[in-house]
Amino acid sequence: MSRSASTNWYFAIVSGENAELARVEIEALLQMVDSKYKISWHERVAIIEGLQDPTDFLLQRAALLKEAGTIIFETDSLDGAALEIPDDLLKSCVGSDETFSIRTKSFLHGRTPETRRSIVVELGDKIQRTTGARVHLENPDIRVLVLVMSDRVLICMSKESQLRGQLRRRRPGKKPFFHPSMMNALLARTMCNLARVMPNETVLDPFCGGGGILCEIAYIGARPIGLELNWRLLKGASMNLASIQYSDYSLIQGDARCSPIRNCHHVVTDPPYGRASSTRGEKAGRLVTALFENAEETILPGGSMCTCHSSSMGVPEVIRQLGFEIENQIRFRVHSGLDREVITIDF
């Protein structure tokens, strides 16, 4: 890892549930902060080079991020790594009145538990002697993470994601109104991030159902607009949005094939499929085709669309036939009988 004197180095560790989707989410969020970031992936670890620290933004926004932080030191080997760190560097990172903990995380195929335990002891001892800080394992002020990789060892200051726990608590079954077709908060947030939704923007879900995606749009601070033909689901979406005390939203009973909505910044949606694959008898494929046919009227230039759908619906073919270019296409298994795809398009 070649360091530039004018840039800093950061890391992000994503969850393993869908590594490809997680990587695309992190890269989309980094683009929202600064298009000049350089990023390289080492299994589930992103090494990020840039002028501006993106970690707080990533931790606030990314659904598939486990932890992130600043890389303060790099060495070739675990042996003696703690002794190589300059005292002044440690003092700049850990205050004398602060507490700290140290963890190691190895991405080597051959485990080295004894060596990893050794660096925890050595580094902890050096931090205490150099800074006067105290160890606190349960709730430290500073979390030191030692990343052991195939070609390097990184000493990092890490923060763990609080958002993931919040998203789990926002799962469909915990909402005031529940319907089996509602998208879980984890995937809904990921899709909003892939669409690069920002606060104060207008975002349409033309198949909003009970409002699973609308709620995540609202949590980001954007203005959600929901379109839904089923009145009972639309009332449920209203209940769910009201429960998070968010008032800047619009709900419209209507048909997505002839949507009255224009000039949105983004569309984020989960078109109906399977048992819910028709709306008053209309097949899902026709609904999706109409969605993309109307996209340029619905979405402002510079905006985007993110959809999630069954892979059996042939959505990529529809998109290409209409002359659009797919930005991202990620396929993942839901269960043995269902594969889904997330697709993004820029306008």
Protein backbone atom coordinates (compact mmCIF):
# COMPACT_ATOMS: atom_id res chain seq x y z
CA MET A 1 0.00 0.00 0.00
CA SER A 2 1.80 3.10 -1.23
CA ARG A 3 1.00 6.16 0.83
CA SER A 4 0.65 9.66 -0.58
CA ALA A 5 1.75 12.47 1.72
CA SER A 6 -1.34 14.50 0.82
CA THR A 7 -3.96 11.82 1.56
CA ASN A 8 -5.15 9.72 4.48
CA TRP A 9 -6.08 6.07 4.69
CA TYR A 10 -9.31 4.59 6.00
CA PHE A 11 -10.91 1.15 6.14
CA ALA A 12 -14.37 -0.36 6.06
CA ILE A 13 -15.37 -3.93 6.89
CA VAL A 14 -18.62 -5.13 5.34
CA SER A 15 -20.85 -8.01 6.38
CA GLY A 16 -20.64 -11.35 4.62
CA GLU A 17 -24.34 -11.87 3.92
CA ASN A 18 -23.98 -10.43 0.40
CA ALA A 19 -20.43 -9.31 -0.24
CA GLU A 20 -21.04 -8.01 -3.78
CA LEU A 21 -24.03 -5.91 -2.74
CA ALA A 22 -22.04 -4.58 0.24
CA ARG A 23 -19.11 -3.55 -1.96
CA VAL A 24 -21.36 -1.71 -4.40
CA GLU A 25 -23.11 0.06 -1.50
CA ILE A 26 -19.82 1.32 -0.03
CA GLU A 27 -18.59 2.49 -3.43
CA ALA A 28 -21.86 4.36 -4.10
CA LEU A 29 -21.68 6.11 -0.74
CA LEU A 30 -18.05 7.10 -1.28
CA GLN A 31 -19.04 8.68 -4.60
CA MET A 32 -21.54 10.81 -2.69
CA VAL A 33 -18.79 12.17 -0.42
CA ASP A 34 -15.99 12.63 -2.96
CA SER A 35 -15.59 11.11 -6.42
CA LYS A 36 -11.80 11.12 -6.04
CA TYR A 37 -11.56 8.36 -3.44
CA LYS A 38 -9.37 5.41 -4.36
CA ILE A 39 -10.60 2.09 -3.03
CA SER A 40 -9.20 -1.45 -3.09
CA TRP A 41 -10.89 -4.57 -1.73
CA HIS A 42 -9.23 -7.34 0.25
CA GLU A 43 -11.99 -9.88 0.84
CA ARG A 44 -14.50 -7.96 2.99
CA VAL A 45 -12.13 -5.08 3.80
CA ALA A 46 -12.13 -1.85 1.81
CA ILE A 47 -8.92 0.20 1.95
CA ILE A 48 -9.83 3.79 1.11
CA GLU A 49 -7.46 6.62 0.18
CA GLY A 50 -8.70 10.21 0.21
CA LEU A 51 -8.43 13.72 1.54
CA GLN A 52 -11.71 13.67 3.48
CA ASP A 53 -12.62 11.21 6.24
CA PRO A 54 -15.71 9.30 4.99
CA THR A 55 -16.13 6.97 7.95
CA ASP A 56 -18.81 8.85 9.91
CA PHE A 57 -20.93 9.16 6.77
CA LEU A 58 -20.48 5.47 5.97
CA LEU A 59 -21.44 4.47 9.51
CA GLN A 60 -24.53 6.68 9.42
CA ARG A 61 -25.72 5.41 6.04
CA ALA A 62 -24.42 1.96 5.10
CA ALA A 63 -26.70 -0.99 5.88
CA LEU A 64 -24.12 -3.67 5.12
CA LEU A 65 -21.18 -2.07 6.95
CA LYS A 66 -19.95 -3.61 10.21
CA GLU A 67 -17.21 -1.16 11.21
CA ALA A 68 -15.00 1.55 9.76
CA GLY A 69 -12.27 3.92 10.81
CA THR A 70 -8.84 5.39 10.25
CA ILE A 71 -5.67 3.45 9.44
CA ILE A 72 -2.91 4.98 11.56
CA PHE A 73 -0.02 2.58 10.94
CA GLU A 74 1.03 -0.13 8.53
CA THR A 75 3.72 -2.78 8.89
CA ASP A 76 4.76 -5.97 7.11
CA SER A 77 4.57 -8.37 10.06
CA LEU A 78 2.84 -8.95 13.38
CA ASP A 79 6.18 -9.62 15.05
CA GLY A 80 7.24 -6.46 16.85
CA ALA A 81 4.49 -4.39 15.19
CA ALA A 82 3.60 -2.63 18.43
CA LEU A 83 7.19 -1.48 18.97
CA GLU A 84 7.35 0.11 15.52
CA ILE A 85 4.53 2.59 16.17
CA PRO A 86 5.93 6.06 17.01
CA ASP A 87 5.06 7.35 20.49
CA ASP A 88 3.88 10.70 19.10
CA LEU A 89 1.43 8.91 16.82
CA LEU A 90 -0.14 7.04 19.73
CA LYS A 91 -0.39 10.24 21.78
CA SER A 92 -2.20 11.97 18.92
CA CYS A 93 -4.78 9.16 18.76
CA VAL A 94 -5.35 8.25 22.43
CA GLY A 95 -5.70 10.82 25.21
CA SER A 96 -4.42 10.28 28.73
CA ASP A 97 -7.95 10.55 30.18
CA GLU A 98 -9.46 8.10 27.68
CA THR A 99 -10.06 4.36 27.82
CA PHE A 100 -9.27 1.91 25.05
CA SER A 101 -9.66 -1.69 23.91
CA ILE A 102 -7.71 -3.72 21.34
CA ARG A 103 -9.04 -6.39 18.99
CA THR A 104 -7.45 -8.31 16.14
CA LYS A 105 -9.18 -9.51 13.02
CA SER A 106 -7.37 -11.90 10.71
CA PHE A 107 -8.07 -12.51 7.04
CA LEU A 108 -5.36 -15.14 6.75
CA HIS A 109 -6.42 -18.66 5.86
CA GLY A 110 -3.96 -20.02 8.43
CA ARG A 111 -4.91 -18.75 11.88
CA THR A 112 -2.27 -17.31 14.19
CA PRO A 113 -4.06 -16.99 17.56
CA GLU A 114 -0.89 -16.93 19.68
CA THR A 115 0.73 -14.21 17.60
CA ARG A 116 -2.49 -12.19 17.62
CA ARG A 117 -2.77 -12.45 21.40
CA SER A 118 0.85 -11.36 21.68
CA ILE A 119 0.31 -8.12 19.75
CA VAL A 120 -2.74 -7.29 21.86
CA VAL A 121 -0.58 -7.55 25.00
CA GLU A 122 2.36 -5.67 23.49
CA LEU A 123 0.28 -2.90 21.94
CA GLY A 124 -1.87 -2.49 25.05
CA ASP A 125 1.22 -2.19 27.22
CA LYS A 126 2.76 0.40 24.90
CA ILE A 127 -0.41 2.52 24.75
CA GLN A 128 -0.67 2.54 28.54
CA ARG A 129 3.01 3.45 29.02
CA THR A 130 3.02 6.09 26.28
CA THR A 131 -0.32 7.81 26.84
CA GLY A 132 -1.44 6.91 30.36
CA ALA A 133 -4.81 5.71 29.01
CA ARG A 134 -6.60 2.80 30.71
CA VAL A 135 -7.98 -0.43 29.28
CA HIS A 136 -11.78 -0.79 29.22
CA LEU A 137 -13.07 -3.80 27.32
CA GLU A 138 -16.84 -3.24 27.50
CA ASN A 139 -17.32 0.42 26.57
CA PRO A 140 -14.02 2.06 25.64
CA ASP A 141 -13.60 5.58 24.32
CA ILE A 142 -11.15 4.33 21.69
CA ARG A 143 -11.38 1.03 19.83
CA VAL A 144 -8.06 -0.11 18.40
CA LEU A 145 -8.32 -2.75 15.68
CA VAL A 146 -5.38 -4.73 14.32
CA LEU A 147 -6.17 -6.03 10.83
CA VAL A 148 -4.01 -9.00 9.88
CA MET A 149 -3.97 -9.41 6.10
CA SER A 150 -2.01 -11.60 3.72
CA ASP A 151 0.57 -8.94 2.86
CA ARG A 152 0.36 -6.40 5.70
CA VAL A 153 -0.77 -5.58 9.22
CA LEU A 154 -2.85 -2.44 9.74
CA ILE A 155 -3.28 -0.67 13.07
CA CYS A 156 -6.61 1.16 13.01
CA MET A 157 -8.89 3.35 15.09
CA SER A 158 -12.30 1.76 14.61
CA LYS A 159 -15.97 2.56 15.17
CA GLU A 160 -18.65 -0.11 15.02
CA SER A 161 -21.92 0.37 13.15
CA GLN A 162 -24.91 1.29 15.28
CA LEU A 163 -27.19 1.48 12.24
CA ARG A 164 -27.31 -2.28 11.68
CA GLY A 165 -28.96 -2.82 15.05
CA GLN A 166 -31.42 -0.02 14.34
CA LEU A 167 -32.32 -1.57 10.97
CA ARG A 168 -32.97 -4.94 12.60
CA ARG A 169 -35.32 -3.26 15.07
CA ARG A 170 -37.14 -1.68 12.11
CA ARG A 171 -37.95 -5.03 10.47
CA PRO A 172 -41.45 -5.31 8.96
CA GLY A 173 -42.91 -7.33 11.83
CA LYS A 174 -42.09 -4.52 14.27
CA LYS A 175 -43.95 -1.86 12.29
CA PRO A 176 -47.52 -0.76 13.20
CA PHE A 177 -48.75 -2.15 9.88
CA PHE A 178 -47.36 -5.42 8.54
CA HIS A 179 -47.79 -7.15 5.21
CA PRO A 180 -45.79 -10.16 3.97
CA SER A 181 -44.75 -8.29 0.81
CA MET A 182 -43.00 -5.50 2.74
CA MET A 183 -39.27 -5.16 2.20
CA ASN A 184 -36.98 -5.43 5.21
CA ALA A 185 -35.25 -2.27 6.35
CA LEU A 186 -31.75 -3.62 5.65
CA LEU A 187 -32.36 -4.10 1.93
CA ALA A 188 -34.51 -0.97 1.65
CA ARG A 189 -31.70 1.16 3.10
CA THR A 190 -29.14 -0.51 0.82
CA MET A 191 -31.26 0.30 -2.24
CA CYS A 192 -31.61 3.95 -1.17
CA ASN A 193 -27.82 4.10 -0.89
CA LEU A 194 -27.31 2.53 -4.32
CA ALA A 195 -29.62 5.20 -5.72
CA ARG A 196 -27.48 7.80 -3.85
CA VAL A 197 -30.48 9.37 -2.09
CA MET A 198 -29.59 12.53 -0.14
CA PRO A 199 -31.58 14.56 2.43
CA ASN A 200 -34.22 16.94 1.01
CA GLU A 201 -34.43 15.10 -2.32
CA THR A 202 -37.73 13.77 -3.65
CA VAL A 203 -37.88 9.98 -4.01
CA LEU A 204 -40.72 7.98 -5.54
CA ASP A 205 -41.72 4.39 -4.82
CA PRO A 206 -44.41 3.65 -7.44
CA PHE A 207 -45.22 0.24 -5.87
CA CYS A 208 -44.98 1.39 -2.27
CA GLY A 209 -47.17 -1.26 -0.59
CA GLY A 210 -46.97 -0.89 3.18
CA GLY A 211 -44.16 1.65 2.97
CA GLY A 212 -41.04 -0.34 3.83
CA ILE A 213 -38.88 1.60 1.36
CA LEU A 214 -40.68 4.89 2.09
CA CYS A 215 -39.71 4.65 5.76
CA GLU A 216 -36.01 4.32 4.93
CA ILE A 217 -36.26 7.26 2.53
CA ALA A 218 -37.73 9.24 5.43
CA TYR A 219 -35.02 8.15 7.88
CA ILE A 220 -32.41 9.49 5.45
CA GLY A 221 -34.20 12.86 5.48
CA ALA A 222 -35.46 12.80 1.91
CA ARG A 223 -39.08 13.36 0.89
CA PRO A 224 -40.83 10.06 0.07
CA ILE A 225 -43.70 9.84 -2.40
CA GLY A 226 -45.63 6.58 -2.44
CA LEU A 227 -47.91 5.39 -5.22
CA GLU A 228 -50.09 2.33 -4.60
CA LEU A 229 -53.28 0.98 -6.14
CA ASN A 230 -54.33 -1.04 -3.09
CA TRP A 231 -56.06 1.27 -0.60
CA ARG A 232 -55.48 -1.00 2.39
CA LEU A 233 -51.73 -1.09 1.76
CA LEU A 234 -51.66 2.67 1.25
CA LYS A 235 -53.34 3.19 4.63
CA GLY A 236 -50.74 0.86 6.13
CA ALA A 237 -47.94 2.93 4.61
CA SER A 238 -49.48 6.02 6.19
CA MET A 239 -49.52 4.30 9.60
CA ASN A 240 -45.88 3.27 9.28
CA LEU A 241 -44.68 6.73 8.21
CA ALA A 242 -46.69 8.40 10.97
CA SER A 243 -45.10 6.09 13.56
CA ILE A 244 -41.63 7.54 12.89
CA GLN A 245 -43.00 11.06 13.33
CA TYR A 246 -42.11 12.11 9.80
CA SER A 247 -44.58 14.40 8.08
CA ASP A 248 -42.92 15.44 4.81
CA TYR A 249 -44.32 12.70 2.62
CA SER A 250 -47.04 12.16 0.03
CA LEU A 251 -49.17 9.07 -0.59
CA ILE A 252 -51.26 8.68 -3.73
CA GLN A 253 -53.69 5.94 -4.69
CA GLY A 254 -52.95 5.30 -8.33
CA ASP A 255 -51.66 3.04 -11.06
CA ALA A 256 -47.90 2.98 -11.68
CA ARG A 257 -48.53 2.51 -15.41
CA CYS A 258 -49.88 6.05 -15.64
CA SER A 259 -48.10 7.75 -12.74
CA PRO A 260 -48.88 11.45 -12.29
CA ILE A 261 -45.53 12.05 -10.56
CA ARG A 262 -42.88 14.07 -12.39
CA ASN A 263 -39.46 15.56 -11.64
CA CYS A 264 -38.31 13.25 -8.85
CA HIS A 265 -34.65 12.94 -8.03
CA HIS A 266 -34.80 9.17 -7.68
CA VAL A 267 -37.05 6.12 -7.94
CA VAL A 268 -36.47 3.29 -5.45
CA THR A 269 -38.93 0.43 -5.70
CA ASP A 270 -39.72 -3.26 -5.28
CA PRO A 271 -42.18 -4.19 -8.06
CA PRO A 272 -44.71 -6.93 -7.23
CA TYR A 273 -43.89 -10.53 -8.09
CA GLY A 274 -44.81 -14.11 -7.12
CA ARG A 275 -48.18 -14.35 -5.40
CA ALA A 276 -48.30 -10.57 -5.35
CA SER A 277 -47.26 -10.36 -9.00
CA SER A 278 -50.41 -8.72 -10.25
CA THR A 279 -52.20 -5.50 -9.54
CA ARG A 280 -55.90 -5.97 -10.25
CA GLY A 281 -55.01 -8.64 -12.78
CA GLU A 282 -52.09 -6.85 -14.46
CA LYS A 283 -49.02 -9.04 -14.82
CA ALA A 284 -45.79 -7.97 -13.15
CA GLY A 285 -43.80 -7.85 -16.39
CA ARG A 286 -46.15 -5.28 -17.91
CA LEU A 287 -46.02 -3.15 -14.79
CA VAL A 288 -42.22 -3.12 -14.81
CA THR A 289 -42.07 -2.33 -18.53
CA ALA A 290 -44.37 0.64 -17.98
CA LEU A 291 -42.18 1.78 -15.08
CA PHE A 292 -39.10 2.03 -17.29
CA GLU A 293 -41.02 3.45 -20.27
CA ASN A 294 -42.09 6.40 -18.08
CA ALA A 295 -38.76 6.77 -16.26
CA GLU A 296 -37.38 9.74 -18.20
CA GLU A 297 -40.54 11.73 -17.50
CA THR A 298 -40.51 10.76 -13.83
CA ILE A 299 -36.83 11.26 -12.97
CA LEU A 300 -34.83 14.47 -13.30
CA PRO A 301 -31.57 14.47 -15.29
CA GLY A 302 -28.77 13.41 -12.97
CA GLY A 303 -31.15 11.23 -10.96
CA SER A 304 -31.28 7.47 -10.65
CA MET A 305 -33.48 4.42 -10.27
CA CYS A 306 -32.92 1.35 -8.10
CA THR A 307 -35.22 -1.66 -8.40
CA CYS A 308 -35.33 -5.07 -6.73
CA HIS A 309 -37.20 -7.86 -8.46
CA SER A 310 -37.35 -11.56 -9.11
CA SER A 311 -34.63 -12.63 -11.56
CA SER A 312 -37.29 -14.58 -13.50
CA MET A 313 -38.99 -11.34 -14.58
CA GLY A 314 -36.41 -10.54 -17.27
CA VAL A 315 -35.98 -6.93 -16.17
CA PRO A 316 -32.43 -6.46 -17.57
CA GLU A 317 -33.71 -7.36 -21.06
CA VAL A 318 -36.56 -4.85 -20.76
CA ILE A 319 -34.11 -2.14 -19.68
CA ARG A 320 -31.73 -2.77 -22.58
CA GLN A 321 -34.55 -2.95 -25.13
CA LEU A 322 -35.64 0.52 -24.02
CA GLY A 323 -32.11 1.84 -24.56
CA PHE A 324 -31.00 2.31 -20.94
CA GLU A 325 -27.61 1.33 -19.59
CA ILE A 326 -27.44 -0.69 -16.37
CA GLU A 327 -25.05 0.79 -13.82
CA ASN A 328 -25.14 -2.10 -11.32
CA GLN A 329 -26.74 -5.54 -11.44
CA ILE A 330 -26.41 -7.73 -8.35
CA ARG A 331 -28.09 -11.11 -8.08
CA PHE A 332 -28.61 -12.93 -4.78
CA ARG A 333 -30.40 -15.98 -3.45
CA VAL A 334 -33.41 -15.48 -1.17
CA HIS A 335 -34.21 -19.19 -0.87
CA SER A 336 -33.96 -22.30 -3.07
CA GLY A 337 -36.92 -21.23 -5.19
CA LEU A 338 -36.19 -17.52 -5.57
CA ASP A 339 -33.29 -15.42 -6.84
CA ARG A 340 -33.60 -11.65 -6.76
CA GLU A 341 -31.76 -8.88 -8.56
CA VAL A 342 -30.98 -5.32 -7.58
CA ILE A 343 -30.45 -3.02 -10.58
CA THR A 344 -29.47 0.64 -10.71
CA ILE A 345 -29.72 3.04 -13.66
CA ASP A 346 -28.43 6.61 -13.88
CA PHE A 347 -30.32 9.27 -15.87
